[in-house]
């Protein structure tokens, strides 16, 4: 039996991840392979670290990617600082807060949670009060929750954690590269990003950064593998080493740092992709990039409302790169998604848990966040809804979006500068 040449269909991907990969990133992935300790490659690794610091808006020494999908970054930071019995507070406002709980529990933490309804976020003062009540070693929280399209204000929480001696670990997988994330200013101790969302790089790496407060814990748990350890390494073995081998940040520091101690075989082509993705972010400029995401978000939102649909969630704390829409009564949400895919080659997303079957999620992330994509998804969604029997305000969606693009509609960004 023979197999044909790989021929994936061309899609307009408007989900909250993965998103369309910038063609320049795809070209970079065709760069010839180098050995992982070749000076030409270690120079590239150093450049990636430098660019990550700029994108993360931090002066941290450590900023590098974990090889693995986004949750690998969450696991790497959490498993490297959690010891059995440590108290961890996880405020949950969507699916990925539950993921943080799952990871922390598996490494033996005593996990305390607080929850608010999906579609809302926490008042920072409520989180701070819970931190004072629980006295955790770590507060782990999601910044941009793609399951609900909401974004949690963090600055006040971060400052309180710093004052109280609590480590703040933040999942910024959905927000990094698409909206402001100020690691140092917001007093974030450890932060996890993702490649397959606003950075427009394929899934497969989780860029992280962490400060000296976390590094101190990591160094106290350091253990070098027996097969590569020196006599000096063996004399300094911690009595409580990090549980995971693959996600052991103490060993990864030696791999990404000047020692270049072997840990794993680097995902060379993904490093090329990440470097190019970061270069494009910096070439565009952070503020310009954030403004682009807000412009296209505004056009999409105005179009959705003009069509006669209802937005889901707390608009004041909306994640700018994910727009959630209530599925109208009597409309089969999955039939709409299927028709968009089959007839227009457009993919949008449903959601999880209590929101499954109740909302659609449209991502406007990275390279997918373009004017032609916004207009195309609005026109196509209107056509599909008409076929499904929904009483659409015909023609209004595109006109409302175009009004945003020609400046007739003022863009209102809800207090994001204080996040």
Protein backbone atom coordinates (compact mmCIF):
# COMPACT_ATOMS: atom_id res chain seq x y z
CA UNK A 1 0.00 0.00 0.00
CA UNK A 2 1.37 3.39 -0.99
CA UNK A 3 0.79 6.71 0.71
CA UNK A 4 0.32 9.99 -1.07
CA UNK A 5 2.40 13.08 -0.38
CA UNK A 6 1.23 14.98 2.69
CA UNK A 7 -1.34 17.54 1.62
CA UNK A 8 -3.06 19.28 4.54
CA UNK A 9 -6.03 21.49 3.61
CA UNK A 10 -5.63 25.26 3.79
CA UNK A 11 -7.66 26.64 6.69
CA UNK A 12 -8.47 30.03 8.13
CA UNK A 13 -7.86 29.21 11.79
CA UNK A 14 -9.79 31.44 14.15
CA UNK A 15 -9.58 29.35 17.30
CA UNK A 16 -7.87 30.34 20.58
CA UNK A 17 -4.97 28.12 19.54
CA UNK A 18 -3.36 26.70 17.64
CA UNK A 19 -3.40 29.58 15.17
CA UNK A 20 -2.02 30.18 11.70
CA UNK A 21 1.78 30.17 11.73
CA UNK A 22 3.50 33.15 10.17
CA UNK A 23 5.03 32.06 6.82
CA UNK A 24 8.37 33.53 7.88
CA UNK A 25 8.35 31.16 10.88
CA UNK A 26 7.64 28.20 8.60
CA UNK A 27 10.55 29.21 6.38
CA UNK A 28 12.84 29.45 9.42
CA UNK A 29 11.95 25.86 10.31
CA UNK A 30 13.58 24.76 7.05
CA UNK A 31 16.97 26.02 8.29
CA UNK A 32 19.64 23.26 8.28
CA UNK A 33 20.04 21.31 11.51
CA UNK A 34 22.98 22.16 13.76
CA UNK A 35 24.38 20.15 16.65
CA UNK A 36 23.04 21.34 19.98
CA UNK A 37 26.51 22.31 21.23
CA UNK A 38 27.69 23.85 17.98
CA UNK A 39 28.75 27.44 18.80
CA UNK A 40 26.51 28.65 15.99
CA UNK A 41 23.55 26.98 17.71
CA UNK A 42 24.39 28.04 21.27
CA UNK A 43 24.56 31.60 19.94
CA UNK A 44 21.00 31.15 18.67
CA UNK A 45 19.98 29.83 22.10
CA UNK A 46 21.43 32.93 23.75
CA UNK A 47 19.55 35.16 21.30
CA UNK A 48 16.31 33.37 22.15
CA UNK A 49 16.89 34.07 25.84
CA UNK A 50 17.60 37.75 25.13
CA UNK A 51 14.46 38.14 23.03
CA UNK A 52 12.30 36.33 25.58
CA UNK A 53 13.37 38.80 28.26
CA UNK A 54 12.21 41.66 26.03
CA UNK A 55 8.87 40.03 25.22
CA UNK A 56 8.29 39.08 28.87
CA UNK A 57 9.33 42.63 29.92
CA UNK A 58 11.74 41.30 32.51
CA UNK A 59 15.37 41.56 33.59
CA UNK A 60 15.34 37.98 34.89
CA UNK A 61 18.49 35.96 34.25
CA UNK A 62 16.45 32.90 33.31
CA UNK A 63 14.15 33.01 30.29
CA UNK A 64 14.14 29.96 28.01
CA UNK A 65 11.71 27.47 26.45
CA UNK A 66 10.71 24.08 27.80
CA UNK A 67 10.49 21.45 25.05
CA UNK A 68 6.86 20.38 25.14
CA UNK A 69 3.43 21.92 24.73
CA UNK A 70 2.33 24.81 26.92
CA UNK A 71 1.46 22.75 29.97
CA UNK A 72 5.05 21.49 30.07
CA UNK A 73 6.05 24.99 31.16
CA UNK A 74 3.46 24.96 33.92
CA UNK A 75 4.70 21.60 35.10
CA UNK A 76 8.38 22.56 34.90
CA UNK A 77 8.03 25.59 37.15
CA UNK A 78 5.57 24.05 39.58
CA UNK A 79 7.32 20.71 40.01
CA UNK A 80 10.65 22.46 40.54
CA UNK A 81 9.39 24.54 43.47
CA UNK A 82 6.69 22.34 45.05
CA UNK A 83 7.70 19.95 47.80
CA UNK A 84 5.20 17.54 49.37
CA UNK A 85 2.97 19.37 51.83
CA UNK A 86 3.58 22.86 50.43
CA UNK A 87 0.48 25.03 50.43
CA UNK A 88 -0.59 26.31 47.02
CA UNK A 89 -3.52 28.65 46.39
CA UNK A 90 -5.16 28.38 42.95
CA UNK A 91 -7.93 30.86 42.08
CA UNK A 92 -10.05 29.15 39.38
CA UNK A 93 -12.12 31.00 36.81
CA UNK A 94 -12.01 28.49 33.93
CA UNK A 95 -10.62 25.21 32.67
CA UNK A 96 -6.95 26.00 33.01
CA UNK A 97 -7.15 26.91 36.68
CA UNK A 98 -8.26 23.31 37.19
CA UNK A 99 -5.17 22.21 35.23
CA UNK A 100 -2.92 24.09 37.67
CA UNK A 101 -4.66 22.27 40.54
CA UNK A 102 -4.12 18.94 38.80
CA UNK A 103 -0.39 19.54 38.38
CA UNK A 104 0.10 20.79 41.93
CA UNK A 105 -1.78 17.85 43.45
CA UNK A 106 0.32 15.34 41.53
CA UNK A 107 3.49 16.79 43.08
CA UNK A 108 2.12 16.46 46.60
CA UNK A 109 1.01 20.02 47.29
CA UNK A 110 -1.72 20.89 49.75
CA UNK A 111 -3.91 22.76 47.28
CA UNK A 112 -6.41 25.40 48.32
CA UNK A 113 -8.81 26.74 45.72
CA UNK A 114 -11.27 29.58 45.30
CA UNK A 115 -13.70 29.77 42.39
CA UNK A 116 -15.88 32.28 40.62
CA UNK A 117 -18.42 31.63 37.84
CA UNK A 118 -17.00 30.95 34.39
CA UNK A 119 -17.26 34.22 32.48
CA UNK A 120 -16.11 36.32 35.44
CA UNK A 121 -12.75 37.06 37.08
CA UNK A 122 -11.75 37.74 40.67
CA UNK A 123 -11.61 41.07 42.41
CA UNK A 124 -7.91 41.30 43.31
CA UNK A 125 -8.78 42.17 46.93
CA UNK A 126 -10.67 38.87 47.26
CA UNK A 127 -7.62 36.90 46.10
CA UNK A 128 -5.39 38.89 48.45
CA UNK A 129 -7.69 38.18 51.38
CA UNK A 130 -7.58 34.47 50.57
CA UNK A 131 -3.78 34.58 50.36
CA UNK A 132 -3.67 36.12 53.84
CA UNK A 133 -6.07 33.47 55.11
CA UNK A 134 -4.27 30.44 53.59
CA UNK A 135 -0.64 31.67 53.86
CA UNK A 136 0.48 29.60 50.84
CA UNK A 137 4.03 29.16 49.63
CA UNK A 138 2.75 29.67 46.06
CA UNK A 139 -0.20 31.35 44.40
CA UNK A 140 -0.70 29.91 40.90
CA UNK A 141 -3.14 31.67 38.59
CA UNK A 142 -4.08 31.96 34.92
CA UNK A 143 -3.78 35.38 33.27
CA UNK A 144 -5.80 34.85 30.07
CA UNK A 145 -8.38 32.06 30.34
CA UNK A 146 -9.20 30.88 26.82
CA UNK A 147 -12.10 28.71 27.96
CA UNK A 148 -14.06 31.81 29.02
CA UNK A 149 -12.36 34.66 27.13
CA UNK A 150 -11.58 36.47 30.40
CA UNK A 151 -8.38 38.06 31.68
CA UNK A 152 -7.48 38.34 35.36
CA UNK A 153 -5.98 41.63 36.64
CA UNK A 154 -2.65 40.73 38.23
CA UNK A 155 -0.68 43.80 39.29
CA UNK A 156 -2.33 44.26 42.68
CA UNK A 157 -2.15 40.52 43.39
CA UNK A 158 1.52 40.42 42.45
CA UNK A 159 2.43 43.33 44.69
CA UNK A 160 0.58 41.72 47.61
CA UNK A 161 2.33 38.38 47.04
CA UNK A 162 5.70 40.13 47.10
CA UNK A 163 4.87 41.93 50.33
CA UNK A 164 3.61 38.72 51.94
CA UNK A 165 6.55 36.56 50.82
CA UNK A 166 4.37 34.38 48.55
CA UNK A 167 5.58 33.17 45.16
CA UNK A 168 3.31 34.17 42.24
CA UNK A 169 3.31 31.75 39.30
CA UNK A 170 1.29 32.86 36.26
CA UNK A 171 0.01 30.93 33.24
CA UNK A 172 0.22 33.55 30.46
CA UNK A 173 0.05 31.00 27.64
CA UNK A 174 -2.84 32.76 25.89
CA UNK A 175 -1.82 36.36 26.51
CA UNK A 176 1.92 36.62 25.88
CA UNK A 177 2.58 38.44 22.60
CA UNK A 178 -1.03 39.57 22.26
CA UNK A 179 -1.58 41.87 25.22
CA UNK A 180 0.52 43.54 27.87
CA UNK A 181 2.28 41.21 30.33
CA UNK A 182 4.74 43.00 32.61
CA UNK A 183 6.62 40.34 34.56
CA UNK A 184 8.78 42.65 36.66
CA UNK A 185 6.30 45.49 37.17
CA UNK A 186 3.55 43.09 38.25
CA UNK A 187 5.90 41.23 40.65
CA UNK A 188 5.46 37.88 38.90
CA UNK A 189 7.99 35.32 40.14
CA UNK A 190 7.45 32.65 37.49
CA UNK A 191 5.61 32.97 34.19
CA UNK A 192 4.72 30.47 31.46
CA UNK A 193 4.00 31.40 27.85
CA UNK A 194 2.92 29.41 24.81
CA UNK A 195 4.15 29.31 21.24
CA UNK A 196 0.98 28.29 19.42
CA UNK A 197 -1.15 31.30 20.30
CA UNK A 198 -0.18 34.98 20.00
CA UNK A 199 3.43 34.18 19.05
CA UNK A 200 2.20 32.33 15.89
CA UNK A 201 4.76 29.54 16.23
CA UNK A 202 3.77 25.84 16.08
CA UNK A 203 2.85 24.11 19.30
CA UNK A 204 5.75 22.31 20.93
CA UNK A 205 7.52 24.75 23.24
CA UNK A 206 6.64 26.62 26.41
CA UNK A 207 8.77 29.74 26.98
CA UNK A 208 9.20 30.45 30.69
CA UNK A 209 10.90 32.99 32.91
CA UNK A 210 11.54 33.11 36.64
CA UNK A 211 13.41 35.28 39.09
CA UNK A 212 16.01 34.77 41.80
CA UNK A 213 13.33 33.94 44.41
CA UNK A 214 12.45 30.82 42.43
CA UNK A 215 16.05 30.14 41.42
CA UNK A 216 17.03 29.96 45.10
CA UNK A 217 14.55 27.10 45.63
CA UNK A 218 15.68 25.34 42.46
CA UNK A 219 19.36 25.53 43.44
CA UNK A 220 18.58 24.13 46.90
CA UNK A 221 17.08 21.05 45.20
CA UNK A 222 19.80 20.57 42.61
CA UNK A 223 20.88 17.10 41.55
CA UNK A 224 22.90 16.28 38.44
CA UNK A 225 22.29 12.93 36.71
CA UNK A 226 24.76 10.23 37.68
CA UNK A 227 25.85 9.60 34.11
CA UNK A 228 27.11 13.15 33.63
CA UNK A 229 27.79 14.36 37.19
CA UNK A 230 31.29 15.33 38.29
CA UNK A 231 32.73 14.47 41.72
CA UNK A 232 31.96 18.03 42.76
CA UNK A 233 28.32 17.62 41.63
CA UNK A 234 28.00 14.40 43.64
CA UNK A 235 29.18 16.14 46.80
CA UNK A 236 26.37 18.71 46.51
CA UNK A 237 23.38 16.43 45.92
CA UNK A 238 20.21 17.74 47.55
CA UNK A 239 18.32 15.49 49.95
CA UNK A 240 15.06 16.63 48.33
CA UNK A 241 15.72 16.74 44.58
CA UNK A 242 13.11 17.82 42.07
CA UNK A 243 10.76 14.90 41.39
CA UNK A 244 10.73 15.14 37.60
CA UNK A 245 13.86 14.51 35.57
CA UNK A 246 12.65 15.99 32.30
CA UNK A 247 11.23 19.14 33.90
CA UNK A 248 14.04 19.65 36.43
CA UNK A 249 14.85 23.36 36.08
CA UNK A 250 18.14 22.96 37.97
CA UNK A 251 19.43 20.74 35.18
CA UNK A 252 17.85 22.86 32.46
CA UNK A 253 19.69 25.87 33.86
CA UNK A 254 22.96 24.02 33.30
CA UNK A 255 21.82 23.19 29.77
CA UNK A 256 20.82 26.76 28.86
CA UNK A 257 23.59 28.39 30.88
CA UNK A 258 27.34 28.64 30.16
CA UNK A 259 28.03 25.13 31.45
CA UNK A 260 26.05 23.59 28.53
CA UNK A 261 25.66 20.35 30.46
CA UNK A 262 23.76 17.80 28.39
CA UNK A 263 20.16 17.22 29.44
CA UNK A 264 18.15 16.35 26.34
CA UNK A 265 18.56 16.65 22.59
CA UNK A 266 17.27 20.09 21.70
CA UNK A 267 14.29 20.51 19.36
CA UNK A 268 16.46 22.40 16.90
CA UNK A 269 13.85 23.37 14.31
CA UNK A 270 11.48 24.57 17.03
CA UNK A 271 14.23 26.82 18.41
CA UNK A 272 14.57 28.28 14.92
CA UNK A 273 10.80 28.80 14.83
CA UNK A 274 10.70 30.42 18.26
CA UNK A 275 13.60 32.71 17.44
CA UNK A 276 11.88 33.93 14.28
CA UNK A 277 8.53 34.31 16.05
CA UNK A 278 10.12 36.41 18.78
CA UNK A 279 12.05 38.43 16.23
CA UNK A 280 8.80 39.27 14.44
CA UNK A 281 7.14 40.34 17.70
CA UNK A 282 10.02 42.68 18.47
CA UNK A 283 10.21 43.94 14.89
CA UNK A 284 6.53 44.91 15.07
CA UNK A 285 7.01 46.40 18.54
CA UNK A 286 5.10 45.33 21.64
CA UNK A 287 2.80 48.35 21.83
CA UNK A 288 2.06 48.25 18.10
CA UNK A 289 1.33 44.53 18.31
CA UNK A 290 -1.01 44.95 21.27
CA UNK A 291 -2.81 47.77 19.46
CA UNK A 292 -3.23 45.54 16.39
CA UNK A 293 -4.88 42.86 18.50
CA UNK A 294 -7.20 45.43 20.07
CA UNK A 295 -8.16 46.89 16.68
CA UNK A 296 -9.15 43.55 15.17
CA UNK A 297 -10.85 42.50 18.41
CA UNK A 298 -12.96 45.67 18.26
CA UNK A 299 -13.92 45.05 14.63
CA UNK A 300 -14.94 41.48 15.41
CA UNK A 301 -16.91 42.47 18.51
CA UNK A 302 -18.81 45.25 16.72
CA UNK A 303 -19.56 42.90 13.84
CA UNK A 304 -20.85 40.16 16.16
CA UNK A 305 -23.13 42.58 17.99
CA UNK A 306 -24.41 44.14 14.77
CA UNK A 307 -25.26 40.67 13.46
CA UNK A 308 -27.65 40.21 16.37
CA UNK A 309 -25.54 37.87 18.48
CA UNK A 310 -24.73 38.24 22.19
CA UNK A 311 -21.23 38.27 23.63
CA UNK A 312 -20.49 36.02 26.59
CA UNK A 313 -18.58 37.03 29.68
CA UNK A 314 -17.40 40.04 31.59
CA UNK A 315 -16.64 42.65 28.93
CA UNK A 316 -14.67 44.77 31.39
CA UNK A 317 -12.09 42.00 31.80
CA UNK A 318 -12.21 40.52 28.32
CA UNK A 319 -9.16 38.74 26.95
CA UNK A 320 -8.47 40.81 23.80
CA UNK A 321 -7.42 37.86 21.66
CA UNK A 322 -10.44 35.63 22.41
CA UNK A 323 -14.08 36.58 21.80
CA UNK A 324 -16.82 34.36 23.23
CA UNK A 325 -20.31 34.34 21.71
CA UNK A 326 -23.49 32.86 23.15
CA UNK A 327 -24.98 30.22 20.87
CA UNK A 328 -28.57 31.37 20.15
CA UNK A 329 -31.41 29.21 21.41
CA UNK A 330 -32.53 26.71 18.82
CA UNK A 331 -29.23 26.81 16.94
CA UNK A 332 -27.00 23.73 16.79
CA UNK A 333 -23.60 25.14 17.63
CA UNK A 334 -21.68 22.13 16.31
CA UNK A 335 -23.61 22.22 13.01
CA UNK A 336 -22.56 25.86 12.59
CA UNK A 337 -18.92 25.00 13.28
CA UNK A 338 -19.07 22.05 10.86
CA UNK A 339 -20.54 24.16 8.07
CA UNK A 340 -17.96 26.90 8.60
CA UNK A 341 -15.23 24.28 8.28
CA UNK A 342 -16.70 22.30 5.39
CA UNK A 343 -18.01 25.17 3.26
CA UNK A 344 -15.62 28.00 4.10
CA UNK A 345 -12.54 26.22 5.54
CA UNK A 346 -12.84 28.36 8.67
CA UNK A 347 -12.31 26.85 12.10
CA UNK A 348 -13.75 28.40 15.25
CA UNK A 349 -13.94 26.68 18.65
CA UNK A 350 -16.53 25.49 21.11
CA UNK A 351 -15.67 25.43 24.84
CA UNK A 352 -15.30 23.10 27.81
CA UNK A 353 -17.05 21.99 30.97
CA UNK A 354 -20.09 24.09 31.93
CA UNK A 355 -19.76 26.13 28.73
CA UNK A 356 -19.65 23.19 26.33
CA UNK A 357 -22.35 23.65 23.71
CA UNK A 358 -23.24 27.09 25.07
CA UNK A 359 -20.66 29.37 23.45
CA UNK A 360 -18.45 29.71 20.41
CA UNK A 361 -14.92 31.04 20.83
CA UNK A 362 -13.19 33.02 18.10
CA UNK A 363 -9.47 33.63 18.48
CA UNK A 364 -7.75 36.68 17.03
CA UNK A 365 -4.17 35.74 17.79
CA UNK A 366 -0.84 36.55 16.20
CA UNK A 367 -0.75 35.96 12.45
CA UNK A 368 -4.44 34.95 12.45
CA UNK A 369 -5.26 38.44 13.74
CA UNK A 370 -5.67 40.15 10.37
CA UNK A 371 -8.34 42.33 8.77
CA UNK A 372 -9.11 39.88 5.99
CA UNK A 373 -9.66 37.09 8.52
CA UNK A 374 -12.05 39.21 10.59
CA UNK A 375 -14.15 40.17 7.59
CA UNK A 376 -14.12 36.62 6.24
CA UNK A 377 -15.25 35.01 9.49
CA UNK A 378 -18.04 37.58 9.97
CA UNK A 379 -19.36 37.14 6.43
CA UNK A 380 -19.16 33.36 6.64
CA UNK A 381 -20.78 33.16 10.07
CA UNK A 382 -23.66 35.32 8.84
CA UNK A 383 -24.16 33.06 5.83
CA UNK A 384 -24.12 29.89 7.95
CA UNK A 385 -26.52 31.30 10.53
CA UNK A 386 -28.95 32.25 7.77
CA UNK A 387 -28.80 28.66 6.50
CA UNK A 388 -29.47 27.47 10.08
CA UNK A 389 -32.58 29.62 10.36
CA UNK A 390 -31.30 32.36 12.66
CA UNK A 391 -32.71 35.83 12.02
CA UNK A 392 -29.48 37.68 11.24
CA UNK A 393 -29.35 41.44 10.73
CA UNK A 394 -28.31 40.98 7.12
CA UNK A 395 -25.26 42.89 6.00
CA UNK A 396 -24.83 44.76 9.28
CA UNK A 397 -21.86 42.78 10.61
CA UNK A 398 -19.42 43.70 7.86
CA UNK A 399 -20.52 47.32 7.88
CA UNK A 400 -19.97 47.57 11.62
CA UNK A 401 -16.51 46.00 11.31
CA UNK A 402 -15.61 48.30 8.43
CA UNK A 403 -16.72 51.28 10.51
CA UNK A 404 -14.08 50.27 13.07
CA UNK A 405 -11.43 49.98 10.38
CA UNK A 406 -12.18 53.39 8.87
CA UNK A 407 -12.32 55.00 12.31
CA UNK A 408 -16.03 55.65 12.54
CA UNK A 409 -16.35 53.54 15.70
CA UNK A 410 -14.27 54.45 18.73
CA UNK A 411 -12.25 51.58 20.17
CA UNK A 412 -12.80 51.24 23.91
CA UNK A 413 -10.24 49.19 25.80
CA UNK A 414 -11.57 48.36 29.24
CA UNK A 415 -9.00 49.41 31.87
CA UNK A 416 -6.31 47.03 30.59
CA UNK A 417 -3.53 49.42 31.50
CA UNK A 418 -4.09 48.59 35.18
CA UNK A 419 -3.85 44.81 34.81
